[in-house]
């Protein structure tokens, strides 16, 4: 099984720590078992982290089963999805591939940059710590 996620923890001035997760979810697998196992391994780390979290990347949710597994996973670890007003994320089979989820932060603004430089459009999100 290919596991492609980078988890980094940053010290914040508030004495909290920000966990940032960059994921490239497994793409080709039959069913959602392997996909779910990849998410579960990340979820174990998020559950143990007390501070704010940002999780973003290519989630490869090209099927209804995968999108359901992703939303169930996010719900279980209290992650919220960033919404994009002008949603120009690249799609496969009508579903966006890239997402940003967060916990313990406020979204100040979000946008999608349209580019031909990649098969994915960059997602820009500005967060703020709660005061």
C-alpha atoms as a PDB file:
ATOM      1  CA  UNK A   1       0.000   0.000   0.000  1.00  0.00           C
ATOM      2  CA  UNK A   2       1.303   3.416  -0.917  1.00  0.00           C
ATOM      3  CA  UNK A   3       1.105   5.989   1.863  1.00  0.00           C
ATOM      4  CA  UNK A   4       1.702   9.549   0.795  1.00  0.00           C
ATOM      5  CA  UNK A   5       1.155  12.069   3.544  1.00  0.00           C
ATOM      6  CA  UNK A   6       3.431  14.544   5.213  1.00  0.00           C
ATOM      7  CA  UNK A   7       2.505  15.523   8.781  1.00  0.00           C
ATOM      8  CA  UNK A   8       4.338  18.511  10.258  1.00  0.00           C
ATOM      9  CA  UNK A   9       3.822  20.225  13.616  1.00  0.00           C
ATOM     10  CA  UNK A  10       4.677  23.920  13.985  1.00  0.00           C
ATOM     11  CA  UNK A  11       5.101  25.834  17.246  1.00  0.00           C
ATOM     12  CA  UNK A  12       2.854  28.905  17.435  1.00  0.00           C
ATOM     13  CA  UNK A  13       3.407  32.075  19.470  1.00  0.00           C
ATOM     14  CA  UNK A  14       0.350  31.184  21.538  1.00  0.00           C
ATOM     15  CA  UNK A  15       2.221  28.123  22.917  1.00  0.00           C
ATOM     16  CA  UNK A  16      -0.085  25.918  20.843  1.00  0.00           C
ATOM     17  CA  UNK A  17       1.084  23.695  18.034  1.00  0.00           C
ATOM     18  CA  UNK A  18      -0.358  23.656  14.513  1.00  0.00           C
ATOM     19  CA  UNK A  19      -0.518  20.286  12.775  1.00  0.00           C
ATOM     20  CA  UNK A  20      -0.322  20.567   8.975  1.00  0.00           C
ATOM     21  CA  UNK A  21      -1.044  17.494   6.862  1.00  0.00           C
ATOM     22  CA  UNK A  22      -0.339  17.369   3.139  1.00  0.00           C
ATOM     23  CA  UNK A  23      -1.879  14.262   1.576  1.00  0.00           C
ATOM     24  CA  UNK A  24      -1.828  12.563  -1.777  1.00  0.00           C
ATOM     25  CA  UNK A  25      -4.352   9.800  -1.190  1.00  0.00           C
ATOM     26  CA  UNK A  26      -3.983   6.445  -2.852  1.00  0.00           C
ATOM     27  CA  UNK A  27      -5.581   6.615  -6.268  1.00  0.00           C
ATOM     28  CA  UNK A  28      -6.114   3.160  -7.709  1.00  0.00           C
ATOM     29  CA  UNK A  29      -7.524   0.510  -5.415  1.00  0.00           C
ATOM     30  CA  UNK A  30     -10.570  -1.715  -5.589  1.00  0.00           C
ATOM     31  CA  UNK A  31     -13.209  -0.703  -3.062  1.00  0.00           C
ATOM     32  CA  UNK A  32     -12.411   1.741  -0.282  1.00  0.00           C
ATOM     33  CA  UNK A  33     -10.653  -0.518   2.227  1.00  0.00           C
ATOM     34  CA  UNK A  34      -7.091   0.578   1.370  1.00  0.00           C
ATOM     35  CA  UNK A  35      -8.257   4.195   1.031  1.00  0.00           C
ATOM     36  CA  UNK A  36      -9.902   4.041   4.456  1.00  0.00           C
ATOM     37  CA  UNK A  37      -6.785   2.529   6.037  1.00  0.00           C
ATOM     38  CA  UNK A  38      -4.685   5.407   4.724  1.00  0.00           C
ATOM     39  CA  UNK A  39      -7.108   7.929   6.235  1.00  0.00           C
ATOM     40  CA  UNK A  40      -7.281   6.000   9.517  1.00  0.00           C
ATOM     41  CA  UNK A  41      -3.491   6.123   9.924  1.00  0.00           C
ATOM     42  CA  UNK A  42      -3.618   9.911   9.603  1.00  0.00           C
ATOM     43  CA  UNK A  43      -6.663  10.118  11.868  1.00  0.00           C
ATOM     44  CA  UNK A  44      -4.762   8.449  14.709  1.00  0.00           C
ATOM     45  CA  UNK A  45      -2.228  11.285  14.646  1.00  0.00           C
ATOM     46  CA  UNK A  46      -4.930  13.979  14.474  1.00  0.00           C
ATOM     47  CA  UNK A  47      -6.861  12.469  17.389  1.00  0.00           C
ATOM     48  CA  UNK A  48      -3.764  12.771  19.611  1.00  0.00           C
ATOM     49  CA  UNK A  49      -3.131  16.393  18.650  1.00  0.00           C
ATOM     50  CA  UNK A  50      -4.736  19.010  20.906  1.00  0.00           C
ATOM     51  CA  UNK A  51      -4.073  22.116  18.773  1.00  0.00           C
ATOM     52  CA  UNK A  52      -5.323  23.454  15.452  1.00  0.00           C
ATOM     53  CA  UNK A  53      -5.117  21.263  12.340  1.00  0.00           C
ATOM     54  CA  UNK A  54      -4.984  21.893   8.594  1.00  0.00           C
ATOM     55  CA  UNK A  55      -5.277  18.893   6.286  1.00  0.00           C
ATOM     56  CA  UNK A  56      -5.059  19.508   2.552  1.00  0.00           C
ATOM     57  CA  UNK A  57      -4.186  17.844  -0.704  1.00  0.00           C
ATOM     58  CA  UNK A  58      -5.308  15.475  -3.399  1.00  0.00           C
ATOM     59  CA  UNK A  59      -7.841  13.108  -1.858  1.00  0.00           C
ATOM     60  CA  UNK A  60      -8.689  11.281  -5.113  1.00  0.00           C
ATOM     61  CA  UNK A  61     -12.399  11.033  -4.344  1.00  0.00           C
ATOM     62  CA  UNK A  62     -13.532  10.021  -7.806  1.00  0.00           C
ATOM     63  CA  UNK A  63     -16.257   7.660  -6.507  1.00  0.00           C
ATOM     64  CA  UNK A  64     -19.286   8.063  -4.250  1.00  0.00           C
ATOM     65  CA  UNK A  65     -17.787   5.498  -1.830  1.00  0.00           C
ATOM     66  CA  UNK A  66     -14.556   7.484  -1.527  1.00  0.00           C
ATOM     67  CA  UNK A  67     -16.284  10.829  -0.941  1.00  0.00           C
ATOM     68  CA  UNK A  68     -18.475   9.182   1.705  1.00  0.00           C
ATOM     69  CA  UNK A  69     -15.396   7.671   3.384  1.00  0.00           C
ATOM     70  CA  UNK A  70     -13.643  11.055   3.351  1.00  0.00           C
ATOM     71  CA  UNK A  71     -16.592  12.936   4.862  1.00  0.00           C
ATOM     72  CA  UNK A  72     -17.096  10.220   7.501  1.00  0.00           C
ATOM     73  CA  UNK A  73     -13.393  10.418   8.382  1.00  0.00           C
ATOM     74  CA  UNK A  74     -13.465  14.238   8.656  1.00  0.00           C
ATOM     75  CA  UNK A  75     -16.562  14.111  10.832  1.00  0.00           C
ATOM     76  CA  UNK A  76     -15.039  11.545  13.209  1.00  0.00           C
ATOM     77  CA  UNK A  77     -12.016  13.748  13.925  1.00  0.00           C
ATOM     78  CA  UNK A  78     -13.965  17.044  13.951  1.00  0.00           C
ATOM     79  CA  UNK A  79     -12.486  18.521  10.767  1.00  0.00           C
ATOM     80  CA  UNK A  80     -14.470  21.090   8.795  1.00  0.00           C
ATOM     81  CA  UNK A  81     -14.244  21.542   5.030  1.00  0.00           C
ATOM     82  CA  UNK A  82     -13.126  24.850   3.514  1.00  0.00           C
ATOM     83  CA  UNK A  83     -15.699  26.090   1.001  1.00  0.00           C
ATOM     84  CA  UNK A  84     -14.754  27.973  -2.156  1.00  0.00           C
ATOM     85  CA  UNK A  85     -17.217  30.570  -3.506  1.00  0.00           C
ATOM     86  CA  UNK A  86     -15.870  30.395  -7.062  1.00  0.00           C
ATOM     87  CA  UNK A  87     -15.073  26.694  -6.966  1.00  0.00           C
ATOM     88  CA  UNK A  88     -12.623  26.121  -9.808  1.00  0.00           C
ATOM     89  CA  UNK A  89     -11.083  22.967  -8.351  1.00  0.00           C
ATOM     90  CA  UNK A  90     -10.213  20.335 -10.949  1.00  0.00           C
ATOM     91  CA  UNK A  91     -12.684  17.472 -11.061  1.00  0.00           C
ATOM     92  CA  UNK A  92     -12.829  13.848 -12.085  1.00  0.00           C
ATOM     93  CA  UNK A  93     -16.205  12.253 -12.750  1.00  0.00           C
ATOM     94  CA  UNK A  94     -17.775  15.495 -11.500  1.00  0.00           C
ATOM     95  CA  UNK A  95     -16.089  15.399  -8.089  1.00  0.00           C
ATOM     96  CA  UNK A  96     -13.290  17.697  -6.886  1.00  0.00           C
ATOM     97  CA  UNK A  97     -10.030  15.919  -6.154  1.00  0.00           C
ATOM     98  CA  UNK A  98      -8.486  18.522  -3.851  1.00  0.00           C
ATOM     99  CA  UNK A  99      -9.782  19.595  -0.453  1.00  0.00           C
ATOM    100  CA  UNK A 100      -8.751  21.594   2.596  1.00  0.00           C
ATOM    101  CA  UNK A 101     -10.035  20.589   6.035  1.00  0.00           C
ATOM    102  CA  UNK A 102      -9.352  22.348   9.328  1.00  0.00           C
ATOM    103  CA  UNK A 103      -9.996  22.380  13.057  1.00  0.00           C
ATOM    104  CA  UNK A 104      -9.428  25.072  15.696  1.00  0.00           C
ATOM    105  CA  UNK A 105      -9.057  27.923  13.202  1.00  0.00           C
ATOM    106  CA  UNK A 106     -11.179  30.531  11.415  1.00  0.00           C
ATOM    107  CA  UNK A 107     -11.195  30.779   7.623  1.00  0.00           C
ATOM    108  CA  UNK A 108     -10.583  34.400   6.623  1.00  0.00           C
ATOM    109  CA  UNK A 109     -10.662  33.863   2.854  1.00  0.00           C
ATOM    110  CA  UNK A 110     -10.353  31.071   0.322  1.00  0.00           C
ATOM    111  CA  UNK A 111      -9.846  30.942  -3.415  1.00  0.00           C
ATOM    112  CA  UNK A 112      -8.748  28.695  -6.259  1.00  0.00           C
ATOM    113  CA  UNK A 113      -6.058  29.748  -8.727  1.00  0.00           C
ATOM    114  CA  UNK A 114      -6.774  28.590 -12.260  1.00  0.00           C
ATOM    115  CA  UNK A 115      -3.612  27.426 -14.013  1.00  0.00           C
ATOM    116  CA  UNK A 116      -2.487  25.226 -16.857  1.00  0.00           C
ATOM    117  CA  UNK A 117       0.793  24.438 -15.048  1.00  0.00           C
ATOM    118  CA  UNK A 118      -0.637  21.315 -13.389  1.00  0.00           C
ATOM    119  CA  UNK A 119      -3.540  18.901 -13.507  1.00  0.00           C
ATOM    120  CA  UNK A 120      -4.627  20.483 -10.183  1.00  0.00           C
ATOM    121  CA  UNK A 121      -5.512  24.106  -9.460  1.00  0.00           C
ATOM    122  CA  UNK A 122      -3.833  25.519  -6.314  1.00  0.00           C
ATOM    123  CA  UNK A 123      -6.110  26.172  -3.330  1.00  0.00           C
ATOM    124  CA  UNK A 124      -5.375  29.302  -1.299  1.00  0.00           C
ATOM    125  CA  UNK A 125      -6.772  29.606   2.214  1.00  0.00           C
ATOM    126  CA  UNK A 126      -6.015  32.235   4.837  1.00  0.00           C
ATOM    127  CA  UNK A 127      -6.625  31.107   8.416  1.00  0.00           C
ATOM    128  CA  UNK A 128      -6.680  32.946  11.718  1.00  0.00           C
ATOM    129  CA  UNK A 129      -6.331  31.573  15.215  1.00  0.00           C
ATOM    130  CA  UNK A 130      -9.368  32.247  17.412  1.00  0.00           C
ATOM    131  CA  UNK A 131      -8.867  35.121  19.848  1.00  0.00           C
END
